[in-house]
Protein backbone atom coordinates (compact mmCIF):
# COMPACT_ATOMS: atom_id res chain seq x y z
CA MET A 1 86.80 122.51 138.42
CA ILE A 2 84.93 119.07 137.94
CA ARG A 3 86.63 116.10 136.57
CA VAL A 4 84.44 113.90 134.42
CA GLN A 5 85.31 110.01 133.72
CA TYR A 6 83.61 107.99 130.97
CA PHE A 7 83.57 104.30 131.25
CA ALA A 8 82.71 101.19 129.24
CA ARG A 9 80.90 101.72 125.98
CA TYR A 10 80.42 105.34 126.75
CA ARG A 11 84.29 105.97 126.84
CA GLU A 12 84.02 104.13 123.32
CA ALA A 13 81.26 106.00 121.86
CA LEU A 14 82.70 109.34 123.12
CA GLY A 15 86.41 108.61 122.20
CA LEU A 16 87.46 109.88 125.56
CA ASP A 17 88.47 108.59 129.15
CA GLY A 18 87.37 111.92 130.56
CA GLU A 19 87.88 115.48 130.83
CA GLN A 20 88.02 118.48 133.26
CA LEU A 21 85.45 121.14 133.22
CA ARG A 22 86.96 124.59 134.50
CA ASP A 23 83.76 126.61 134.88
CA SER A 24 82.01 124.16 137.33
CA GLY A 25 79.89 126.65 138.94
CA GLU A 26 77.13 126.42 136.59
CA PHE A 27 76.44 122.74 137.61
CA THR A 28 74.98 122.30 141.08
CA THR A 29 74.00 118.62 140.38
CA VAL A 30 75.07 115.66 138.39
CA ASP A 31 72.04 115.95 136.16
CA GLN A 32 72.74 119.61 135.26
CA LEU A 33 76.42 118.48 134.25
CA ARG A 34 74.64 115.53 132.26
CA LEU A 35 72.35 117.80 130.62
CA PHE A 36 75.27 120.22 129.53
CA LEU A 37 77.39 117.50 127.97
CA LEU A 38 74.14 116.34 126.36
CA ALA A 39 73.78 119.80 124.76
CA ARG A 40 76.84 118.96 122.67
CA GLY A 41 74.96 116.53 120.40
CA GLY A 42 76.02 113.95 118.18
CA VAL A 43 77.61 111.25 119.95
CA TRP A 44 76.96 112.92 123.48
CA ASP A 45 73.57 111.79 123.18
CA VAL A 46 74.67 108.36 124.78
CA LEU A 47 74.61 109.92 128.12
CA GLY A 48 70.67 110.37 127.53
CA GLU A 49 69.99 106.83 128.29
CA GLN A 50 67.43 106.03 130.62
CA ASN A 51 69.69 103.34 132.17
CA LEU A 52 72.75 105.51 132.84
CA MET A 53 74.48 105.21 136.19
CA CYS A 54 76.69 107.80 137.80
CA ALA A 55 79.16 108.22 140.79
CA ARG A 56 80.31 111.34 142.50
CA ASN A 57 83.78 110.98 144.13
CA GLN A 58 83.86 107.27 143.60
CA GLU A 59 80.34 106.53 145.09
CA LEU A 60 77.42 105.69 143.29
CA CYS A 61 74.70 108.36 143.20
CA SER A 62 71.49 109.70 141.67
CA LEU A 63 71.38 112.39 139.08
CA ASP A 64 70.15 114.80 141.77
CA GLU A 65 73.28 114.45 143.82
CA PRO A 66 74.80 117.95 144.47
CA LEU A 67 78.01 118.79 143.04
CA GLU A 68 81.11 121.06 144.54
CA GLU A 69 84.03 122.57 143.18
CA GLY A 70 86.87 119.61 142.87
CA ASP A 71 84.15 116.77 142.65
CA GLU A 72 84.69 113.91 140.26
CA VAL A 73 81.79 112.60 138.30
CA ALA A 74 81.85 109.35 136.49
CA PHE A 75 78.94 108.24 134.01
CA PHE A 76 78.93 104.45 132.95
CA PRO A 77 76.18 102.01 131.53
CA THR A 78 74.35 99.63 133.74
CA VAL A 79 76.08 96.05 134.00
CA THR A 80 74.16 93.18 133.31
CA GLY A 81 75.04 89.53 133.70
CA GLY A 82 73.43 86.15 132.74
């Protein structure tokens, strides 16, 4: 199982904080997981943004970060200030 968390406007757009995906063996990288979620279409297109950030087990990572059973993945938009 992989636990997925959505933050900031991603959480608002998707209407949920997170979910658990039981068949996690098909995802070997964070990007494969993201592409699976994108394939849902509609509001899930928000995860296709170029500036998307992600974390694995509460540490920032790149989309090519490998995944393992029991991992937690978080998706969130970049934060800008001014």
